[in-house]
Amino acid sequence: MAYRIRGKALRLRDQAPSWMIVIRPALAAGLILFLIPPLFAQTTGEPEGSPAPSAVTSGIPTSPEEIVSAVGWPFATVFIVASVVAVSCGIERLVVLRHRRVIPRAFVDRMLQHLRTGRMDKPTAVSICHKDGSPMARVFLHGVRKWGKPSVEIEQAVIDGGERQISQLKKRLRVLNGVATLSPLIGLLGTVIGMIQAFNDIAESNAMGQAEQLARGIALALLTTAIGLFIAIPALTAYMYLSGRIDALVMEMDELGQELVHLISAEALRERGHVPADDSQEAVPHPTDPPSLPSDPEA
């Protein structure tokens, strides 16, 4: 009873609804992207007597408002959405891929200990795995359902369950990879468009001041590539880190699954003196039983 209550408490604490896991990081990312830059711009504003806004905006933009105005709202909107998606997916995966949530140590240790000592049967093991609900418990559930079967059959069931859990653990990692891949390409597209516009302005303007105008146009055009790289580098870093964490969790889950196979397979149960309940063996007459006599054909 104490184990069930503890397992229920851990499940309620560690497993939150999926919409809450996604919405909270998204709100945090939105606050970071929309509230902090204006505050930073205010704290680093120019003192009194600074040049007029027209003189400041004539060079390379530095404040968030100037950058948005320089790159244009279409590209700015795409970059803001990509940033929010990358931050929300990264935080959500960090929450989901916690070790105690994927492989609850209390559940694993207690279940394997009961199986080693023979104090747990198949119905109890199935019930405990259902109530825990962690990814490791779901992998155990696939193996426990084959209780008493040959080790090869149980191992295949554990592998199938593990593959399903791996796909769940890798959920939303493709989004991070997509942001890391597409953000520089979008930035490069903005740079190409900006360069075309800059050379077009040079061609339509007077001959005076072409070098300064071209330099300013190229600098503004390169802002999109810089912003794309600024988004892609953290997204790629988060993707690589989370992929490494998943690989470590999968290795540990595989070791625990193999230990489960060696505890509930038909070979292991025979070694411990337990006859598998699912074995369909023909009844062998006991040596002390009287032999059956053939029926009299004339009767």
C-alpha atoms as a PDB file:
ATOM      1  CA  MET A   1       0.000   0.000   0.000  1.00  0.00           C
ATOM      2  CA  ALA A   2       2.800   2.409   0.894  1.00  0.00           C
ATOM      3  CA  TYR A   3       4.482   1.664  -2.418  1.00  0.00           C
ATOM      4  CA  ARG A   4       1.283   2.393  -4.339  1.00  0.00           C
ATOM      5  CA  ILE A   5       0.719   5.685  -2.527  1.00  0.00           C
ATOM      6  CA  ARG A   6       4.332   6.725  -3.099  1.00  0.00           C
ATOM      7  CA  GLY A   7       4.139   5.780  -6.767  1.00  0.00           C
ATOM      8  CA  LYS A   8       0.944   7.773  -7.210  1.00  0.00           C
ATOM      9  CA  ALA A   9       2.511  10.810  -5.546  1.00  0.00           C
ATOM     10  CA  LEU A  10       5.600  10.625  -7.759  1.00  0.00           C
ATOM     11  CA  ARG A  11       3.432  10.295 -10.850  1.00  0.00           C
ATOM     12  CA  LEU A  12       1.329  13.322  -9.947  1.00  0.00           C
ATOM     13  CA  ARG A  13       4.442  15.357  -9.203  1.00  0.00           C
ATOM     14  CA  ASP A  14       6.550  14.424 -12.195  1.00  0.00           C
ATOM     15  CA  GLN A  15       3.952  14.034 -14.948  1.00  0.00           C
ATOM     16  CA  ALA A  16       2.126  17.225 -15.784  1.00  0.00           C
ATOM     17  CA  PRO A  17      -0.356  17.592 -18.645  1.00  0.00           C
ATOM     18  CA  SER A  18       1.325  18.071 -21.998  1.00  0.00           C
ATOM     19  CA  TRP A  19      -0.385  21.390 -22.647  1.00  0.00           C
ATOM     20  CA  MET A  20       0.959  22.784 -19.375  1.00  0.00           C
ATOM     21  CA  ILE A  21       4.482  21.645 -20.238  1.00  0.00           C
ATOM     22  CA  VAL A  22       4.310  23.449 -23.590  1.00  0.00           C
ATOM     23  CA  ILE A  23       2.384  26.587 -22.568  1.00  0.00           C
ATOM     24  CA  ARG A  24       4.588  27.506 -19.613  1.00  0.00           C
ATOM     25  CA  PRO A  25       7.869  27.587 -21.589  1.00  0.00           C
ATOM     26  CA  ALA A  26       6.119  29.435 -24.416  1.00  0.00           C
ATOM     27  CA  LEU A  27       4.913  32.115 -22.025  1.00  0.00           C
ATOM     28  CA  ALA A  28       8.379  32.382 -20.497  1.00  0.00           C
ATOM     29  CA  ALA A  29       9.947  32.711 -23.939  1.00  0.00           C
ATOM     30  CA  GLY A  30       7.417  35.367 -24.881  1.00  0.00           C
ATOM     31  CA  LEU A  31       8.215  37.368 -21.786  1.00  0.00           C
ATOM     32  CA  ILE A  32      11.933  37.116 -22.483  1.00  0.00           C
ATOM     33  CA  LEU A  33      11.583  38.186 -26.095  1.00  0.00           C
ATOM     34  CA  PHE A  34       9.065  41.006 -25.631  1.00  0.00           C
ATOM     35  CA  LEU A  35       9.721  42.418 -22.157  1.00  0.00           C
ATOM     36  CA  ILE A  36      13.469  42.170 -21.593  1.00  0.00           C
ATOM     37  CA  PRO A  37      14.653  43.899 -24.824  1.00  0.00           C
ATOM     38  CA  PRO A  38      12.639  47.092 -24.170  1.00  0.00           C
ATOM     39  CA  LEU A  39      13.897  47.167 -20.591  1.00  0.00           C
ATOM     40  CA  PHE A  40      17.450  46.665 -21.797  1.00  0.00           C
ATOM     41  CA  ALA A  41      17.009  49.430 -24.328  1.00  0.00           C
ATOM     42  CA  GLN A  42      15.739  51.772 -21.593  1.00  0.00           C
ATOM     43  CA  THR A  43      18.597  51.001 -19.209  1.00  0.00           C
ATOM     44  CA  THR A  44      21.186  51.522 -21.934  1.00  0.00           C
ATOM     45  CA  GLY A  45      19.526  54.587 -23.449  1.00  0.00           C
ATOM     46  CA  GLU A  46      21.516  57.655 -24.387  1.00  0.00           C
ATOM     47  CA  PRO A  47      21.759  60.494 -21.848  1.00  0.00           C
ATOM     48  CA  GLU A  48      20.354  63.907 -22.389  1.00  0.00           C
ATOM     49  CA  GLY A  49      21.900  65.830 -25.212  1.00  0.00           C
ATOM     50  CA  SER A  50      22.296  62.726 -27.367  1.00  0.00           C
ATOM     51  CA  PRO A  51      22.046  63.057 -31.141  1.00  0.00           C
ATOM     52  CA  ALA A  52      18.664  63.232 -32.772  1.00  0.00           C
ATOM     53  CA  PRO A  53      16.911  59.965 -33.693  1.00  0.00           C
ATOM     54  CA  SER A  54      17.458  60.634 -37.349  1.00  0.00           C
ATOM     55  CA  ALA A  55      21.209  60.763 -36.786  1.00  0.00           C
ATOM     56  CA  VAL A  56      21.180  57.528 -34.794  1.00  0.00           C
ATOM     57  CA  THR A  57      19.110  55.590 -37.280  1.00  0.00           C
ATOM     58  CA  SER A  58      21.331  56.642 -40.132  1.00  0.00           C
ATOM     59  CA  GLY A  59      23.972  54.088 -39.073  1.00  0.00           C
ATOM     60  CA  ILE A  60      23.741  50.407 -38.146  1.00  0.00           C
ATOM     61  CA  PRO A  61      20.690  49.781 -35.905  1.00  0.00           C
ATOM     62  CA  THR A  62      21.414  48.702 -32.337  1.00  0.00           C
ATOM     63  CA  SER A  63      18.133  48.770 -30.394  1.00  0.00           C
ATOM     64  CA  PRO A  64      15.463  46.072 -30.845  1.00  0.00           C
ATOM     65  CA  GLU A  65      13.034  48.544 -32.400  1.00  0.00           C
ATOM     66  CA  GLU A  66      15.615  49.697 -34.943  1.00  0.00           C
ATOM     67  CA  ILE A  67      16.582  46.121 -35.789  1.00  0.00           C
ATOM     68  CA  VAL A  68      12.944  45.146 -36.371  1.00  0.00           C
ATOM     69  CA  SER A  69      12.453  48.211 -38.537  1.00  0.00           C
ATOM     70  CA  ALA A  70      15.648  47.469 -40.496  1.00  0.00           C
ATOM     71  CA  VAL A  71      14.998  43.789 -41.250  1.00  0.00           C
ATOM     72  CA  GLY A  72      11.267  44.328 -41.853  1.00  0.00           C
ATOM     73  CA  TRP A  73       8.283  42.917 -40.056  1.00  0.00           C
ATOM     74  CA  PRO A  74       7.974  39.721 -42.176  1.00  0.00           C
ATOM     75  CA  PHE A  75      11.476  38.546 -41.280  1.00  0.00           C
ATOM     76  CA  ALA A  76      11.182  39.863 -37.722  1.00  0.00           C
ATOM     77  CA  THR A  77       7.959  37.891 -37.212  1.00  0.00           C
ATOM     78  CA  VAL A  78       9.552  34.699 -38.530  1.00  0.00           C
ATOM     79  CA  PHE A  79      12.569  35.111 -36.249  1.00  0.00           C
ATOM     80  CA  ILE A  80      10.405  35.846 -33.202  1.00  0.00           C
ATOM     81  CA  VAL A  81       8.254  32.765 -33.837  1.00  0.00           C
ATOM     82  CA  ALA A  82      11.354  30.600 -34.345  1.00  0.00           C
ATOM     83  CA  SER A  83      12.837  31.891 -31.085  1.00  0.00           C
ATOM     84  CA  VAL A  84       9.657  31.200 -29.126  1.00  0.00           C
ATOM     85  CA  VAL A  85       9.346  27.704 -30.595  1.00  0.00           C
ATOM     86  CA  ALA A  86      12.998  26.851 -29.908  1.00  0.00           C
ATOM     87  CA  VAL A  87      12.910  28.103 -26.318  1.00  0.00           C
ATOM     88  CA  SER A  88       9.589  26.420 -25.515  1.00  0.00           C
ATOM     89  CA  CYS A  89      10.630  23.068 -27.029  1.00  0.00           C
ATOM     90  CA  GLY A  90      14.001  23.169 -25.295  1.00  0.00           C
ATOM     91  CA  ILE A  91      12.516  23.890 -21.868  1.00  0.00           C
ATOM     92  CA  GLU A  92       9.767  21.297 -22.364  1.00  0.00           C
ATOM     93  CA  ARG A  93      12.299  18.590 -23.260  1.00  0.00           C
ATOM     94  CA  LEU A  94      14.481  19.536 -20.298  1.00  0.00           C
ATOM     95  CA  VAL A  95      11.480  19.007 -18.021  1.00  0.00           C
ATOM     96  CA  VAL A  96      10.363  15.763 -19.665  1.00  0.00           C
ATOM     97  CA  LEU A  97      13.829  14.199 -19.877  1.00  0.00           C
ATOM     98  CA  ARG A  98      14.602  14.431 -16.182  1.00  0.00           C
ATOM     99  CA  HIS A  99      16.140  11.192 -14.957  1.00  0.00           C
ATOM    100  CA  ARG A 100      13.700  10.723 -12.074  1.00  0.00           C
ATOM    101  CA  ARG A 101      10.781  11.163 -14.469  1.00  0.00           C
ATOM    102  CA  VAL A 102      12.010   8.728 -17.126  1.00  0.00           C
ATOM    103  CA  ILE A 103      13.594   6.134 -14.794  1.00  0.00           C
ATOM    104  CA  PRO A 104      12.158   6.521 -11.264  1.00  0.00           C
ATOM    105  CA  ARG A 105      14.827   4.988  -9.070  1.00  0.00           C
ATOM    106  CA  ALA A 106      12.440   4.078  -6.241  1.00  0.00           C
ATOM    107  CA  PHE A 107      10.113   2.196  -8.593  1.00  0.00           C
ATOM    108  CA  VAL A 108      12.897   0.361 -10.428  1.00  0.00           C
ATOM    109  CA  ASP A 109      14.822  -0.691  -7.316  1.00  0.00           C
ATOM    110  CA  ARG A 110      11.763  -1.924  -5.450  1.00  0.00           C
ATOM    111  CA  MET A 111      10.315  -3.833  -8.383  1.00  0.00           C
ATOM    112  CA  LEU A 112      13.581  -5.577  -9.255  1.00  0.00           C
ATOM    113  CA  GLN A 113      14.169  -6.411  -5.581  1.00  0.00           C
ATOM    114  CA  HIS A 114      10.730  -8.014  -5.298  1.00  0.00           C
ATOM    115  CA  LEU A 115      11.342  -9.981  -8.483  1.00  0.00           C
ATOM    116  CA  ARG A 116      14.710 -11.231  -7.226  1.00  0.00           C
ATOM    117  CA  THR A 117      13.217 -12.434  -3.953  1.00  0.00           C
ATOM    118  CA  GLY A 118      10.147 -13.945  -5.625  1.00  0.00           C
ATOM    119  CA  ARG A 119       7.664 -11.779  -3.694  1.00  0.00           C
ATOM    120  CA  MET A 120       5.878 -10.498  -6.789  1.00  0.00           C
ATOM    121  CA  ASP A 121       3.656 -12.314  -9.252  1.00  0.00           C
ATOM    122  CA  LYS A 122       2.499 -11.343 -12.723  1.00  0.00           C
ATOM    123  CA  PRO A 123      -0.804  -9.594 -11.813  1.00  0.00           C
ATOM    124  CA  THR A 124       0.911  -7.500  -9.139  1.00  0.00           C
ATOM    125  CA  ALA A 125       3.735  -6.508 -11.497  1.00  0.00           C
ATOM    126  CA  VAL A 126       1.285  -5.516 -14.241  1.00  0.00           C
ATOM    127  CA  SER A 127      -0.743  -3.425 -11.788  1.00  0.00           C
ATOM    128  CA  ILE A 128       2.338  -1.626 -10.428  1.00  0.00           C
ATOM    129  CA  CYS A 129       3.628  -0.813 -13.906  1.00  0.00           C
ATOM    130  CA  HIS A 130       0.229   0.535 -14.922  1.00  0.00           C
ATOM    131  CA  LYS A 131       0.019   2.777 -11.857  1.00  0.00           C
ATOM    132  CA  ASP A 132       3.536   4.170 -12.138  1.00  0.00           C
ATOM    133  CA  GLY A 133       3.173   5.236 -15.774  1.00  0.00           C
ATOM    134  CA  SER A 134       6.782   6.321 -16.309  1.00  0.00           C
ATOM    135  CA  PRO A 135       8.597   5.427 -19.565  1.00  0.00           C
ATOM    136  CA  MET A 136      10.613   2.782 -17.704  1.00  0.00           C
ATOM    137  CA  ALA A 137       7.417   1.322 -16.255  1.00  0.00           C
ATOM    138  CA  ARG A 138       5.900   1.098 -19.738  1.00  0.00           C
ATOM    139  CA  VAL A 139       8.959  -0.795 -20.957  1.00  0.00           C
ATOM    140  CA  PHE A 140       8.686  -3.158 -17.989  1.00  0.00           C
ATOM    141  CA  LEU A 141       4.987  -3.614 -18.737  1.00  0.00           C
ATOM    142  CA  HIS A 142       5.716  -5.007 -22.203  1.00  0.00           C
ATOM    143  CA  GLY A 143       8.048  -7.558 -20.668  1.00  0.00           C
ATOM    144  CA  VAL A 144       5.852  -8.435 -17.673  1.00  0.00           C
ATOM    145  CA  ARG A 145       2.962  -9.283 -19.976  1.00  0.00           C
ATOM    146  CA  LYS A 146       5.160 -12.095 -21.340  1.00  0.00           C
ATOM    147  CA  TRP A 147       5.807 -13.470 -17.844  1.00  0.00           C
ATOM    148  CA  GLY A 148       7.028 -17.070 -17.979  1.00  0.00           C
ATOM    149  CA  LYS A 149       7.702 -17.050 -21.716  1.00  0.00           C
ATOM    150  CA  PRO A 150      11.132 -17.875 -23.196  1.00  0.00           C
ATOM    151  CA  SER A 151      13.739 -15.191 -22.780  1.00  0.00           C
ATOM    152  CA  VAL A 152      13.870 -14.483 -26.521  1.00  0.00           C
ATOM    153  CA  GLU A 153      10.175 -13.651 -26.604  1.00  0.00           C
ATOM    154  CA  ILE A 154      10.357 -11.422 -23.531  1.00  0.00           C
ATOM    155  CA  GLU A 155      13.435  -9.643 -24.861  1.00  0.00           C
ATOM    156  CA  GLN A 156      11.660  -8.874 -28.134  1.00  0.00           C
ATOM    157  CA  ALA A 157       8.693  -7.483 -26.218  1.00  0.00           C
ATOM    158  CA  VAL A 158      11.006  -5.257 -24.166  1.00  0.00           C
ATOM    159  CA  ILE A 159      12.722  -4.042 -27.347  1.00  0.00           C
ATOM    160  CA  ASP A 160       9.372  -3.182 -28.944  1.00  0.00           C
ATOM    161  CA  GLY A 161       8.290  -1.264 -25.856  1.00  0.00           C
ATOM    162  CA  GLY A 162      11.625   0.522 -25.694  1.00  0.00           C
ATOM    163  CA  GLU A 163      11.380   1.675 -29.298  1.00  0.00           C
ATOM    164  CA  ARG A 164       7.983   3.206 -28.611  1.00  0.00           C
ATOM    165  CA  GLN A 165       9.314   5.054 -25.583  1.00  0.00           C
ATOM    166  CA  ILE A 166      12.358   6.277 -27.492  1.00  0.00           C
ATOM    167  CA  SER A 167      10.079   7.834 -30.090  1.00  0.00           C
ATOM    168  CA  GLN A 168       8.246   9.623 -27.284  1.00  0.00           C
ATOM    169  CA  LEU A 169      11.492  10.815 -25.709  1.00  0.00           C
ATOM    170  CA  LYS A 170      12.683  12.214 -29.048  1.00  0.00           C
ATOM    171  CA  LYS A 171       9.437  14.087 -29.544  1.00  0.00           C
ATOM    172  CA  ARG A 172       9.940  17.765 -30.510  1.00  0.00           C
ATOM    173  CA  LEU A 173      13.675  17.290 -31.060  1.00  0.00           C
ATOM    174  CA  ARG A 174      13.025  17.530 -34.775  1.00  0.00           C
ATOM    175  CA  VAL A 175      11.508  20.945 -34.150  1.00  0.00           C
ATOM    176  CA  LEU A 176      14.744  22.112 -32.543  1.00  0.00           C
ATOM    177  CA  ASN A 177      16.744  20.660 -35.407  1.00  0.00           C
ATOM    178  CA  GLY A 178      14.423  22.342 -37.885  1.00  0.00           C
ATOM    179  CA  VAL A 179      14.837  25.732 -36.205  1.00  0.00           C
ATOM    180  CA  ALA A 180      18.622  25.302 -36.166  1.00  0.00           C
ATOM    181  CA  THR A 181      18.588  24.412 -39.869  1.00  0.00           C
ATOM    182  CA  LEU A 182      16.060  26.893 -41.224  1.00  0.00           C
ATOM    183  CA  SER A 183      17.017  30.016 -39.260  1.00  0.00           C
ATOM    184  CA  PRO A 184      20.360  30.586 -41.097  1.00  0.00           C
ATOM    185  CA  LEU A 185      18.656  29.890 -44.425  1.00  0.00           C
ATOM    186  CA  ILE A 186      15.956  32.447 -43.705  1.00  0.00           C
ATOM    187  CA  GLY A 187      18.652  34.901 -42.646  1.00  0.00           C
ATOM    188  CA  LEU A 188      20.553  34.245 -45.862  1.00  0.00           C
ATOM    189  CA  LEU A 189      17.392  34.836 -47.856  1.00  0.00           C
ATOM    190  CA  GLY A 190      16.927  38.167 -46.107  1.00  0.00           C
ATOM    191  CA  THR A 191      20.534  39.084 -46.844  1.00  0.00           C
ATOM    192  CA  VAL A 192      20.143  38.309 -50.545  1.00  0.00           C
ATOM    193  CA  ILE A 193      16.949  40.350 -50.734  1.00  0.00           C
ATOM    194  CA  GLY A 194      18.618  43.211 -48.863  1.00  0.00           C
ATOM    195  CA  MET A 195      21.627  43.157 -51.170  1.00  0.00           C
ATOM    196  CA  ILE A 196      19.377  43.286 -54.216  1.00  0.00           C
ATOM    197  CA  GLN A 197      17.540  46.266 -52.772  1.00  0.00           C
ATOM    198  CA  ALA A 198      20.809  48.014 -51.844  1.00  0.00           C
ATOM    199  CA  PHE A 199      22.245  47.687 -55.351  1.00  0.00           C
ATOM    200  CA  ASN A 200      18.931  48.736 -56.811  1.00  0.00           C
ATOM    201  CA  ASP A 201      18.987  51.886 -54.662  1.00  0.00           C
ATOM    202  CA  ILE A 202      22.553  52.605 -55.774  1.00  0.00           C
ATOM    203  CA  ALA A 203      21.572  52.220 -59.424  1.00  0.00           C
ATOM    204  CA  GLU A 204      18.646  54.622 -59.074  1.00  0.00           C
ATOM    205  CA  SER A 205      20.444  57.235 -56.941  1.00  0.00           C
ATOM    206  CA  ASN A 206      22.884  59.950 -57.866  1.00  0.00           C
ATOM    207  CA  ALA A 207      26.594  59.295 -58.287  1.00  0.00           C
ATOM    208  CA  MET A 208      27.428  61.116 -55.070  1.00  0.00           C
ATOM    209  CA  GLY A 209      27.868  59.058 -51.914  1.00  0.00           C
ATOM    210  CA  GLN A 210      27.445  55.642 -53.487  1.00  0.00           C
ATOM    211  CA  ALA A 211      30.145  54.001 -51.336  1.00  0.00           C
ATOM    212  CA  GLU A 212      28.523  55.041 -48.041  1.00  0.00           C
ATOM    213  CA  GLN A 213      25.079  54.066 -49.226  1.00  0.00           C
ATOM    214  CA  LEU A 214      26.291  50.672 -50.442  1.00  0.00           C
ATOM    215  CA  ALA A 215      28.104  49.986 -47.163  1.00  0.00           C
ATOM    216  CA  ARG A 216      25.047  50.918 -45.139  1.00  0.00           C
ATOM    217  CA  GLY A 217      22.794  48.755 -47.321  1.00  0.00           C
ATOM    218  CA  ILE A 218      25.094  45.743 -47.033  1.00  0.00           C
ATOM    219  CA  ALA A 219      25.303  46.160 -43.242  1.00  0.00           C
ATOM    220  CA  LEU A 220      21.523  46.219 -42.955  1.00  0.00           C
ATOM    221  CA  ALA A 221      21.228  43.207 -45.243  1.00  0.00           C
ATOM    222  CA  LEU A 222      23.682  41.162 -43.162  1.00  0.00           C
ATOM    223  CA  LEU A 223      21.560  41.703 -40.042  1.00  0.00           C
ATOM    224  CA  THR A 224      19.175  38.934 -41.088  1.00  0.00           C
ATOM    225  CA  THR A 225      22.004  36.415 -41.390  1.00  0.00           C
ATOM    226  CA  ALA A 226      23.376  37.463 -38.007  1.00  0.00           C
ATOM    227  CA  ILE A 227      19.952  37.073 -36.370  1.00  0.00           C
ATOM    228  CA  GLY A 228      19.453  33.681 -38.014  1.00  0.00           C
ATOM    229  CA  LEU A 229      22.789  32.452 -36.689  1.00  0.00           C
ATOM    230  CA  PHE A 230      22.029  33.930 -33.268  1.00  0.00           C
ATOM    231  CA  ILE A 231      18.894  31.738 -33.140  1.00  0.00           C
ATOM    232  CA  ALA A 232      20.383  28.652 -34.797  1.00  0.00           C
ATOM    233  CA  ILE A 233      23.481  28.261 -32.612  1.00  0.00           C
ATOM    234  CA  PRO A 234      21.609  27.900 -29.262  1.00  0.00           C
ATOM    235  CA  ALA A 235      18.969  25.716 -30.910  1.00  0.00           C
ATOM    236  CA  LEU A 236      21.612  23.371 -32.319  1.00  0.00           C
ATOM    237  CA  THR A 237      23.418  23.304 -28.968  1.00  0.00           C
ATOM    238  CA  ALA A 238      20.198  22.366 -27.174  1.00  0.00           C
ATOM    239  CA  TYR A 239      19.483  19.679 -29.778  1.00  0.00           C
ATOM    240  CA  MET A 240      22.894  18.072 -29.337  1.00  0.00           C
ATOM    241  CA  TYR A 241      22.679  18.206 -25.543  1.00  0.00           C
ATOM    242  CA  LEU A 242      19.178  16.688 -25.425  1.00  0.00           C
ATOM    243  CA  SER A 243      20.141  13.990 -27.933  1.00  0.00           C
ATOM    244  CA  GLY A 244      23.063  13.001 -25.698  1.00  0.00           C
ATOM    245  CA  ARG A 245      20.787  12.868 -22.663  1.00  0.00           C
ATOM    246  CA  ILE A 246      18.338  10.630 -24.524  1.00  0.00           C
ATOM    247  CA  ASP A 247      21.157   8.281 -25.552  1.00  0.00           C
ATOM    248  CA  ALA A 248      22.273   7.970 -21.914  1.00  0.00           C
ATOM    249  CA  LEU A 249      18.715   7.253 -20.748  1.00  0.00           C
ATOM    250  CA  VAL A 250      18.210   4.666 -23.496  1.00  0.00           C
ATOM    251  CA  MET A 251      21.391   2.830 -22.485  1.00  0.00           C
ATOM    252  CA  GLU A 252      20.250   2.644 -18.877  1.00  0.00           C
ATOM    253  CA  MET A 253      16.748   1.547 -19.879  1.00  0.00           C
ATOM    254  CA  ASP A 254      18.261  -1.221 -22.027  1.00  0.00           C
ATOM    255  CA  GLU A 255      20.328  -2.538 -19.095  1.00  0.00           C
ATOM    256  CA  LEU A 256      17.309  -2.559 -16.790  1.00  0.00           C
ATOM    257  CA  GLY A 257      15.212  -4.274 -19.453  1.00  0.00           C
ATOM    258  CA  GLN A 258      17.800  -7.025 -19.833  1.00  0.00           C
ATOM    259  CA  GLU A 259      17.790  -7.542 -16.080  1.00  0.00           C
ATOM    260  CA  LEU A 260      14.016  -7.886 -16.148  1.00  0.00           C
ATOM    261  CA  VAL A 261      14.286 -10.526 -18.882  1.00  0.00           C
ATOM    262  CA  HIS A 262      16.687 -12.569 -16.748  1.00  0.00           C
ATOM    263  CA  LEU A 263      14.255 -12.448 -13.809  1.00  0.00           C
ATOM    264  CA  ILE A 264      10.883 -13.381 -15.360  1.00  0.00           C
ATOM    265  CA  SER A 265      11.840 -15.650 -18.266  1.00  0.00           C
ATOM    266  CA  ALA A 266      10.897 -19.314 -18.259  1.00  0.00           C
ATOM    267  CA  GLU A 267      14.528 -20.338 -17.842  1.00  0.00           C
ATOM    268  CA  ALA A 268      14.983 -18.087 -14.803  1.00  0.00           C
ATOM    269  CA  LEU A 269      11.762 -19.292 -13.194  1.00  0.00           C
ATOM    270  CA  ARG A 270      12.795 -22.930 -13.622  1.00  0.00           C
ATOM    271  CA  GLU A 271      16.170 -22.217 -12.046  1.00  0.00           C
ATOM    272  CA  ARG A 272      14.443 -20.728  -9.001  1.00  0.00           C
ATOM    273  CA  GLY A 273      12.023 -23.634  -8.796  1.00  0.00           C
ATOM    274  CA  HIS A 274       8.942 -21.838 -10.121  1.00  0.00           C
ATOM    275  CA  VAL A 275       6.940 -23.455 -12.908  1.00  0.00           C
ATOM    276  CA  PRO A 276       5.788 -20.830 -15.423  1.00  0.00           C
ATOM    277  CA  ALA A 277       2.041 -20.454 -15.346  1.00  0.00           C
ATOM    278  CA  ASP A 278       1.792 -20.080 -19.109  1.00  0.00           C
ATOM    279  CA  ASP A 279       3.698 -23.280 -19.955  1.00  0.00           C
ATOM    280  CA  SER A 280       1.467 -25.830 -21.619  1.00  0.00           C
ATOM    281  CA  GLN A 281       3.131 -29.121 -20.739  1.00  0.00           C
ATOM    282  CA  GLU A 282       1.601 -32.537 -21.116  1.00  0.00           C
ATOM    283  CA  ALA A 283       0.757 -34.291 -17.896  1.00  0.00           C
ATOM    284  CA  VAL A 284       3.323 -36.922 -17.006  1.00  0.00           C
ATOM    285  CA  PRO A 285       2.021 -39.809 -14.853  1.00  0.00           C
ATOM    286  CA  HIS A 286       3.549 -40.023 -11.419  1.00  0.00           C
ATOM    287  CA  PRO A 287       5.664 -43.134 -10.794  1.00  0.00           C
ATOM    288  CA  THR A 288       3.415 -44.178  -7.896  1.00  0.00           C
ATOM    289  CA  ASP A 289       0.216 -43.951  -9.945  1.00  0.00           C
ATOM    290  CA  PRO A 290      -1.200 -47.318 -11.005  1.00  0.00           C
ATOM    291  CA  PRO A 291      -0.708 -48.066 -14.688  1.00  0.00           C
ATOM    292  CA  SER A 292      -3.771 -47.771 -16.839  1.00  0.00           C
ATOM    293  CA  LEU A 293      -5.015 -51.104 -18.091  1.00  0.00           C
ATOM    294  CA  PRO A 294      -6.127 -51.564 -21.682  1.00  0.00           C
ATOM    295  CA  SER A 295      -9.840 -51.941 -22.157  1.00  0.00           C
ATOM    296  CA  ASP A 296     -11.199 -55.390 -22.892  1.00  0.00           C
ATOM    297  CA  PRO A 297     -12.114 -55.519 -26.593  1.00  0.00           C
ATOM    298  CA  GLU A 298     -14.751 -58.180 -25.865  1.00  0.00           C
ATOM    299  CA  ALA A 299     -16.440 -56.080 -23.199  1.00  0.00           C
END
